[in-house]
PDB file of N, CA and C in Angstrom:
ATOM      1  N   MET A   1     -12.191   1.147  11.894  1.00  0.00           N
ATOM      2  CA  MET A   1     -10.766   1.026  11.651  1.00  0.00           C
ATOM      3  C   MET A   1     -10.506   0.451  10.266  1.00  0.00           C
ATOM      4  N   GLY A   2     -11.470  -0.303   9.742  1.00  0.00           N
ATOM      5  CA  GLY A   2     -11.332  -0.840   8.399  1.00  0.00           C
ATOM      6  C   GLY A   2     -11.334   0.257   7.351  1.00  0.00           C
ATOM      7  N   ILE A   3     -12.101   1.323   7.616  1.00  0.00           N
ATOM      8  CA  ILE A   3     -12.142   2.456   6.686  1.00  0.00           C
ATOM      9  C   ILE A   3     -10.779   3.147   6.646  1.00  0.00           C
ATOM     10  N   VAL A   4     -10.127   3.259   7.786  1.00  0.00           N
ATOM     11  CA  VAL A   4      -8.793   3.875   7.838  1.00  0.00           C
ATOM     12  C   VAL A   4      -7.804   3.061   7.012  1.00  0.00           C
ATOM     13  N   GLY A   5      -7.874   1.736   7.127  1.00  0.00           N
ATOM     14  CA  GLY A   5      -7.015   0.869   6.322  1.00  0.00           C
ATOM     15  C   GLY A   5      -7.296   1.004   4.843  1.00  0.00           C
ATOM     16  N   LEU A   6      -8.581   1.151   4.491  1.00  0.00           N
ATOM     17  CA  LEU A   6      -8.944   1.342   3.086  1.00  0.00           C
ATOM     18  C   LEU A   6      -8.415   2.666   2.557  1.00  0.00           C
ATOM     19  N   VAL A   7      -8.499   3.716   3.363  1.00  0.00           N
ATOM     20  CA  VAL A   7      -7.976   5.025   2.942  1.00  0.00           C
ATOM     21  C   VAL A   7      -6.463   4.947   2.742  1.00  0.00           C
ATOM     22  N   PHE A   8      -5.759   4.281   3.672  1.00  0.00           N
ATOM     23  CA  PHE A   8      -4.323   4.091   3.495  1.00  0.00           C
ATOM     24  C   PHE A   8      -4.051   3.299   2.215  1.00  0.00           C
ATOM     25  N   GLY A   9      -4.876   2.309   1.927  1.00  0.00           N
ATOM     26  CA  GLY A   9      -4.714   1.516   0.712  1.00  0.00           C
ATOM     27  C   GLY A   9      -4.906   2.341  -0.544  1.00  0.00           C
ATOM     28  N   LEU A  10      -5.909   3.202  -0.546  1.00  0.00           N
ATOM     29  CA  LEU A  10      -6.150   4.051  -1.711  1.00  0.00           C
ATOM     30  C   LEU A  10      -5.013   5.049  -1.919  1.00  0.00           C
ATOM     31  N   ILE A  11      -4.534   5.644  -0.834  1.00  0.00           N
ATOM     32  CA  ILE A  11      -3.405   6.575  -0.943  1.00  0.00           C
ATOM     33  C   ILE A  11      -2.158   5.834  -1.424  1.00  0.00           C
ATOM     34  N   SER A  12      -1.959   4.623  -0.933  1.00  0.00           N
ATOM     35  CA  SER A  12      -0.785   3.836  -1.336  1.00  0.00           C
ATOM     36  C   SER A  12      -0.842   3.443  -2.802  1.00  0.00           C
ATOM     37  N   ILE A  13      -2.020   3.102  -3.287  1.00  0.00           N
ATOM     38  CA  ILE A  13      -2.122   2.687  -4.682  1.00  0.00           C
ATOM     39  C   ILE A  13      -1.930   3.882  -5.621  1.00  0.00           C
ATOM     40  N   VAL A  14      -2.384   5.061  -5.203  1.00  0.00           N
ATOM     41  CA  VAL A  14      -2.127   6.272  -5.993  1.00  0.00           C
ATOM     42  C   VAL A  14      -0.624   6.571  -6.001  1.00  0.00           C
ATOM     43  N   GLY A  15       0.015   6.451  -4.837  1.00  0.00           N
ATOM     44  CA  GLY A  15       1.471   6.628  -4.769  1.00  0.00           C
ATOM     45  C   GLY A  15       2.214   5.597  -5.587  1.00  0.00           C
ATOM     46  N   PHE A  16       1.674   4.389  -5.640  1.00  0.00           N
ATOM     47  CA  PHE A  16       2.277   3.335  -6.451  1.00  0.00           C
ATOM     48  C   PHE A  16       2.263   3.728  -7.932  1.00  0.00           C
ATOM     49  N   PHE A  17       1.145   4.272  -8.395  1.00  0.00           N
ATOM     50  CA  PHE A  17       1.072   4.679  -9.802  1.00  0.00           C
ATOM     51  C   PHE A  17       1.994   5.860 -10.086  1.00  0.00           C
ATOM     52  N   ILE A  18       2.168   6.750  -9.131  1.00  0.00           N
ATOM     53  CA  ILE A  18       3.130   7.848  -9.300  1.00  0.00           C
ATOM     54  C   ILE A  18       4.543   7.281  -9.404  1.00  0.00           C
ATOM     55  N   GLY A  19       4.846   6.256  -8.605  1.00  0.00           N
ATOM     56  CA  GLY A  19       6.168   5.637  -8.630  1.00  0.00           C
ATOM     57  C   GLY A  19       6.462   4.872  -9.900  1.00  0.00           C
ATOM     58  N   LEU A  20       5.433   4.567 -10.697  1.00  0.00           N
ATOM     59  CA  LEU A  20       5.657   3.873 -11.968  1.00  0.00           C
ATOM     60  C   LEU A  20       6.109   4.805 -13.080  1.00  0.00           C
ATOM     61  N   ILE A  21       5.912   6.098 -12.897  1.00  0.00           N
ATOM     62  CA  ILE A  21       6.320   7.073 -13.905  1.00  0.00           C
ATOM     63  C   ILE A  21       7.846   7.090 -13.971  1.00  0.00           C
ATOM     64  N   PRO A  22       8.401   7.065 -15.175  1.00  0.00           N
ATOM     65  CA  PRO A  22       9.862   7.089 -15.278  1.00  0.00           C
ATOM     66  C   PRO A  22      10.475   8.282 -14.536  1.00  0.00           C
ATOM     67  N   PHE A  23      11.571   8.033 -13.865  1.00  0.00           N
ATOM     68  CA  PHE A  23      12.324   8.999 -13.061  1.00  0.00           C
ATOM     69  C   PHE A  23      11.599   9.417 -11.784  1.00  0.00           C
ATOM     70  N   LEU A  24      10.479   8.788 -11.459  1.00  0.00           N
ATOM     71  CA  LEU A  24       9.809   9.033 -10.188  1.00  0.00           C
ATOM     72  C   LEU A  24       9.739   7.752  -9.354  1.00  0.00           C
ATOM     73  N   GLY A  25      10.568   6.783  -9.679  1.00  0.00           N
ATOM     74  CA  GLY A  25      10.599   5.532  -8.930  1.00  0.00           C
ATOM     75  C   GLY A  25      11.050   5.724  -7.495  1.00  0.00           C
ATOM     76  N   TRP A  26      11.805   6.780  -7.224  1.00  0.00           N
ATOM     77  CA  TRP A  26      12.254   7.074  -5.861  1.00  0.00           C
ATOM     78  C   TRP A  26      11.068   7.328  -4.944  1.00  0.00           C
ATOM     79  N   PHE A  27       9.910   7.658  -5.503  1.00  0.00           N
ATOM     80  CA  PHE A  27       8.717   7.911  -4.694  1.00  0.00           C
ATOM     81  C   PHE A  27       8.281   6.664  -3.933  1.00  0.00           C
ATOM     82  N   ASN A  28       8.694   5.490  -4.429  1.00  0.00           N
ATOM     83  CA  ASN A  28       8.366   4.245  -3.737  1.00  0.00           C
ATOM     84  C   ASN A  28       9.053   4.159  -2.378  1.00  0.00           C
ATOM     85  N   TRP A  29      10.160   4.868  -2.185  1.00  0.00           N
ATOM     86  CA  TRP A  29      10.801   4.894  -0.869  1.00  0.00           C
ATOM     87  C   TRP A  29       9.884   5.544   0.163  1.00  0.00           C
ATOM     88  N   LEU A  30       9.030   6.446  -0.260  1.00  0.00           N
ATOM     89  CA  LEU A  30       8.065   7.068   0.639  1.00  0.00           C
ATOM     90  C   LEU A  30       6.767   6.263   0.707  1.00  0.00           C
ATOM     91  N   ASN A  31       6.428   5.633  -0.390  1.00  0.00           N
ATOM     92  CA  ASN A  31       5.148   4.949  -0.500  1.00  0.00           C
ATOM     93  C   ASN A  31       5.131   3.604   0.219  1.00  0.00           C
ATOM     94  N   ILE A  32       6.208   2.853   0.169  1.00  0.00           N
ATOM     95  CA  ILE A  32       6.223   1.513   0.770  1.00  0.00           C
ATOM     96  C   ILE A  32       6.033   1.560   2.282  1.00  0.00           C
ATOM     97  N   PRO A  33       6.688   2.453   3.036  1.00  0.00           N
ATOM     98  CA  PRO A  33       6.393   2.511   4.480  1.00  0.00           C
ATOM     99  C   PRO A  33       4.940   2.884   4.772  1.00  0.00           C
ATOM    100  N   LEU A  34       4.372   3.795   3.973  1.00  0.00           N
ATOM    101  CA  LEU A  34       2.973   4.153   4.150  1.00  0.00           C
ATOM    102  C   LEU A  34       2.070   2.945   3.891  1.00  0.00           C
ATOM    103  N   ALA A  35       2.393   2.182   2.870  1.00  0.00           N
ATOM    104  CA  ALA A  35       1.605   0.992   2.549  1.00  0.00           C
ATOM    105  C   ALA A  35       1.757  -0.074   3.629  1.00  0.00           C
ATOM    106  N   LEU A  36       2.927  -0.186   4.224  1.00  0.00           N
ATOM    107  CA  LEU A  36       3.122  -1.154   5.304  1.00  0.00           C
ATOM    108  C   LEU A  36       2.292  -0.788   6.538  1.00  0.00           C
ATOM    109  N   VAL A  37       2.225   0.495   6.856  1.00  0.00           N
ATOM    110  CA  VAL A  37       1.389   0.944   7.968  1.00  0.00           C
ATOM    111  C   VAL A  37      -0.078   0.632   7.672  1.00  0.00           C
ATOM    112  N   GLY A  38      -0.506   0.918   6.455  1.00  0.00           N
ATOM    113  CA  GLY A  38      -1.874   0.611   6.063  1.00  0.00           C
ATOM    114  C   GLY A  38      -2.162  -0.879   6.079  1.00  0.00           C
ATOM    115  N   LEU A  39      -1.169  -1.679   5.710  1.00  0.00           N
ATOM    116  CA  LEU A  39      -1.333  -3.126   5.727  1.00  0.00           C
ATOM    117  C   LEU A  39      -1.533  -3.636   7.151  1.00  0.00           C
ATOM    118  N   VAL A  40      -0.741  -3.129   8.082  1.00  0.00           N
ATOM    119  CA  VAL A  40      -0.876  -3.542   9.483  1.00  0.00           C
ATOM    120  C   VAL A  40      -2.233  -3.111  10.045  1.00  0.00           C
ATOM    121  N   ILE A  41      -2.634  -1.885   9.768  1.00  0.00           N
ATOM    122  CA  ILE A  41      -3.931  -1.401  10.247  1.00  0.00           C
ATOM    123  C   ILE A  41      -5.063  -2.237   9.670  1.00  0.00           C
ATOM    124  N   SER A  42      -4.987  -2.560   8.385  1.00  0.00           N
ATOM    125  CA  SER A  42      -6.041  -3.338   7.735  1.00  0.00           C
ATOM    126  C   SER A  42      -6.106  -4.760   8.274  1.00  0.00           C
ATOM    127  N   ILE A  43      -4.952  -5.358   8.529  1.00  0.00           N
ATOM    128  CA  ILE A  43      -4.946  -6.721   9.073  1.00  0.00           C
ATOM    129  C   ILE A  43      -5.542  -6.740  10.474  1.00  0.00           C
ATOM    130  N   ILE A  44      -5.188  -5.753  11.282  1.00  0.00           N
ATOM    131  CA  ILE A  44      -5.762  -5.672  12.632  1.00  0.00           C
ATOM    132  C   ILE A  44      -7.269  -5.456  12.554  1.00  0.00           C
ATOM    133  N   ALA A  45      -7.706  -4.594  11.654  1.00  0.00           N
ATOM    134  CA  ALA A  45      -9.140  -4.333  11.514  1.00  0.00           C
ATOM    135  C   ALA A  45      -9.887  -5.568  11.035  1.00  0.00           C
ATOM    136  N   ALA A  46      -9.295  -6.318  10.109  1.00  0.00           N
ATOM    137  CA  ALA A  46      -9.951  -7.527   9.618  1.00  0.00           C
ATOM    138  C   ALA A  46     -10.017  -8.604  10.693  1.00  0.00           C
ATOM    139  N   ALA A  47      -9.014  -8.656  11.558  1.00  0.00           N
ATOM    140  CA  ALA A  47      -8.985  -9.692  12.593  1.00  0.00           C
ATOM    141  C   ALA A  47      -9.920  -9.374  13.752  1.00  0.00           C
ATOM    142  N   THR A  48     -10.129  -8.098  14.045  1.00  0.00           N
ATOM    143  CA  THR A  48     -10.918  -7.746  15.218  1.00  0.00           C
ATOM    144  C   THR A  48     -12.386  -7.480  14.912  1.00  0.00           C
ATOM    145  N   ASN A  49     -12.713  -7.085  13.706  1.00  0.00           N
ATOM    146  CA  ASN A  49     -14.085  -6.729  13.379  1.00  0.00           C
ATOM    147  C   ASN A  49     -14.856  -7.955  12.907  1.00  0.00           C
ATOM    148  N   GLU A  50     -15.966  -8.232  13.542  1.00  0.00           N
ATOM    149  CA  GLU A  50     -16.779  -9.396  13.192  1.00  0.00           C
ATOM    150  C   GLU A  50     -17.816  -9.063  12.120  1.00  0.00           C
ATOM    151  N   ASN A  51     -18.297  -7.841  12.083  1.00  0.00           N
ATOM    152  CA  ASN A  51     -19.440  -7.500  11.231  1.00  0.00           C
ATOM    153  C   ASN A  51     -19.045  -7.157   9.801  1.00  0.00           C
ATOM    154  N   SER A  52     -18.243  -6.125   9.634  1.00  0.00           N
ATOM    155  CA  SER A  52     -17.940  -5.615   8.302  1.00  0.00           C
ATOM    156  C   SER A  52     -16.443  -5.721   8.024  1.00  0.00           C
ATOM    157  N   LYS A  53     -16.063  -6.744   7.294  1.00  0.00           N
ATOM    158  CA  LYS A  53     -14.649  -6.928   6.975  1.00  0.00           C
ATOM    159  C   LYS A  53     -14.294  -6.433   5.577  1.00  0.00           C
ATOM    160  N   GLY A  54     -15.268  -5.989   4.806  1.00  0.00           N
ATOM    161  CA  GLY A  54     -15.043  -5.580   3.417  1.00  0.00           C
ATOM    162  C   GLY A  54     -13.986  -4.502   3.238  1.00  0.00           C
ATOM    163  N   PRO A  55     -14.126  -3.352   3.903  1.00  0.00           N
ATOM    164  CA  PRO A  55     -13.112  -2.308   3.732  1.00  0.00           C
ATOM    165  C   PRO A  55     -11.727  -2.741   4.209  1.00  0.00           C
ATOM    166  N   ALA A  56     -11.677  -3.523   5.270  1.00  0.00           N
ATOM    167  CA  ALA A  56     -10.376  -3.969   5.781  1.00  0.00           C
ATOM    168  C   ALA A  56      -9.701  -4.913   4.794  1.00  0.00           C
ATOM    169  N   VAL A  57     -10.459  -5.809   4.202  1.00  0.00           N
ATOM    170  CA  VAL A  57      -9.886  -6.734   3.218  1.00  0.00           C
ATOM    171  C   VAL A  57      -9.440  -5.979   1.968  1.00  0.00           C
ATOM    172  N   ALA A  58     -10.229  -4.993   1.544  1.00  0.00           N
ATOM    173  CA  ALA A  58      -9.829  -4.175   0.400  1.00  0.00           C
ATOM    174  C   ALA A  58      -8.544  -3.407   0.707  1.00  0.00           C
ATOM    175  N   GLY A  59      -8.415  -2.907   1.939  1.00  0.00           N
ATOM    176  CA  GLY A  59      -7.187  -2.225   2.344  1.00  0.00           C
ATOM    177  C   GLY A  59      -5.997  -3.152   2.337  1.00  0.00           C
ATOM    178  N   VAL A  60      -6.183  -4.399   2.783  1.00  0.00           N
ATOM    179  CA  VAL A  60      -5.093  -5.385   2.755  1.00  0.00           C
ATOM    180  C   VAL A  60      -4.648  -5.635   1.325  1.00  0.00           C
ATOM    181  N   VAL A  61      -5.597  -5.816   0.430  1.00  0.00           N
ATOM    182  CA  VAL A  61      -5.258  -6.112  -0.967  1.00  0.00           C
ATOM    183  C   VAL A  61      -4.535  -4.935  -1.612  1.00  0.00           C
ATOM    184  N   LEU A  62      -5.051  -3.718  -1.439  1.00  0.00           N
ATOM    185  CA  LEU A  62      -4.425  -2.549  -2.067  1.00  0.00           C
ATOM    186  C   LEU A  62      -3.031  -2.282  -1.511  1.00  0.00           C
ATOM    187  N   CYS A  63      -2.882  -2.385  -0.205  1.00  0.00           N
ATOM    188  CA  CYS A  63      -1.573  -2.148   0.406  1.00  0.00           C
ATOM    189  C   CYS A  63      -0.571  -3.229  -0.001  1.00  0.00           C
ATOM    190  N   ALA A  64      -1.024  -4.472  -0.075  1.00  0.00           N
ATOM    191  CA  ALA A  64      -0.121  -5.552  -0.479  1.00  0.00           C
ATOM    192  C   ALA A  64       0.347  -5.360  -1.915  1.00  0.00           C
ATOM    193  N   ILE A  65      -0.561  -4.947  -2.795  1.00  0.00           N
ATOM    194  CA  ILE A  65      -0.173  -4.677  -4.189  1.00  0.00           C
ATOM    195  C   ILE A  65       0.856  -3.555  -4.234  1.00  0.00           C
ATOM    196  N   ALA A  66       0.618  -2.480  -3.482  1.00  0.00           N
ATOM    197  CA  ALA A  66       1.536  -1.337  -3.484  1.00  0.00           C
ATOM    198  C   ALA A  66       2.910  -1.734  -2.956  1.00  0.00           C
ATOM    199  N   VAL A  67       2.962  -2.580  -1.925  1.00  0.00           N
ATOM    200  CA  VAL A  67       4.249  -2.986  -1.350  1.00  0.00           C
ATOM    201  C   VAL A  67       4.993  -3.913  -2.299  1.00  0.00           C
ATOM    202  N   ILE A  68       4.324  -4.931  -2.796  1.00  0.00           N
ATOM    203  CA  ILE A  68       4.998  -5.949  -3.618  1.00  0.00           C
ATOM    204  C   ILE A  68       5.479  -5.373  -4.940  1.00  0.00           C
ATOM    205  N   ILE A  69       4.607  -4.711  -5.664  1.00  0.00           N
ATOM    206  CA  ILE A  69       5.009  -4.193  -6.974  1.00  0.00           C
ATOM    207  C   ILE A  69       5.918  -2.978  -6.824  1.00  0.00           C
ATOM    208  N   GLY A  70       5.709  -2.174  -5.774  1.00  0.00           N
ATOM    209  CA  GLY A  70       6.600  -1.038  -5.534  1.00  0.00           C
ATOM    210  C   GLY A  70       8.020  -1.487  -5.217  1.00  0.00           C
ATOM    211  N   ALA A  71       8.149  -2.547  -4.416  1.00  0.00           N
ATOM    212  CA  ALA A  71       9.480  -3.079  -4.107  1.00  0.00           C
ATOM    213  C   ALA A  71      10.130  -3.665  -5.366  1.00  0.00           C
ATOM    214  N   PHE A  72       9.335  -4.328  -6.190  1.00  0.00           N
ATOM    215  CA  PHE A  72       9.869  -4.860  -7.452  1.00  0.00           C
ATOM    216  C   PHE A  72      10.340  -3.730  -8.356  1.00  0.00           C
ATOM    217  N   ARG A  73       9.581  -2.642  -8.382  1.00  0.00           N
ATOM    218  CA  ARG A  73       9.958  -1.475  -9.194  1.00  0.00           C
ATOM    219  C   ARG A  73      11.263  -0.855  -8.676  1.00  0.00           C
ATOM    220  N   LEU A  74      11.438  -0.824  -7.364  1.00  0.00           N
ATOM    221  CA  LEU A  74      12.682  -0.310  -6.799  1.00  0.00           C
ATOM    222  C   LEU A  74      13.868  -1.209  -7.188  1.00  0.00           C
ATOM    223  N   MET A  75      13.659  -2.507  -7.179  1.00  0.00           N
ATOM    224  CA  MET A  75      14.732  -3.426  -7.565  1.00  0.00           C
ATOM    225  C   MET A  75      15.114  -3.233  -9.029  1.00  0.00           C
ATOM    226  N   LEU A  76      14.131  -3.017  -9.882  1.00  0.00           N
ATOM    227  CA  LEU A  76      14.425  -2.828 -11.301  1.00  0.00           C
ATOM    228  C   LEU A  76      15.225  -1.552 -11.558  1.00  0.00           C
ATOM    229  N   GLY A  77      14.880  -0.489 -10.844  1.00  0.00           N
ATOM    230  CA  GLY A  77      15.560   0.778 -11.056  1.00  0.00           C
ATOM    231  C   GLY A  77      16.774   0.982 -10.194  1.00  0.00           C
ATOM    232  N   GLY A  78      17.149  -0.007  -9.430  1.00  0.00           N
ATOM    233  CA  GLY A  78      18.297   0.131  -8.548  1.00  0.00           C
ATOM    234  C   GLY A  78      18.030   1.043  -7.375  1.00  0.00           C
ATOM    235  N   GLY A  79      16.777   1.313  -7.077  1.00  0.00           N
ATOM    236  CA  GLY A  79      16.421   2.151  -5.951  1.00  0.00           C
ATOM    237  C   GLY A  79      16.436   3.633  -6.254  1.00  0.00           C
ATOM    238  N   LEU A  80      16.797   4.007  -7.468  1.00  0.00           N
ATOM    239  CA  LEU A  80      16.888   5.423  -7.801  1.00  0.00           C
ATOM    240  C   LEU A  80      15.892   5.853  -8.857  1.00  0.00           C
ATOM    241  N   LEU A  81      15.757   5.070  -9.888  1.00  0.00           N
ATOM    242  CA  LEU A  81      14.866   5.461 -10.988  1.00  0.00           C
ATOM    243  C   LEU A  81      13.529   4.892 -10.713  1.00  0.00           C
TER     244      LEU A  81
END
C-alpha cells in the first residue's frame, strides 16, 4: 500500500509542476484532491506497515508538498490563473 501512496505522490508532484505554468494554475483544482487521497493512503500505509515505511513516507512528503504549495498557488492566482 506504500507503493500506491508513492505513485499518487509522484503523479501529484507532476501535476503540481503543471499547475505552476502560467495560465494552468486551474489544474491545481484537479491536483489537490488527488494529492489529498494520496496523502491519506500514504499515512495509512505508514501507520500500518511495520517493515518498509520508506515508500509511504516518501508519498506523504510528495503529497504534502503538492497540497501546500498548490493551495498557495491557487491563492496567488485567485483560483483561476
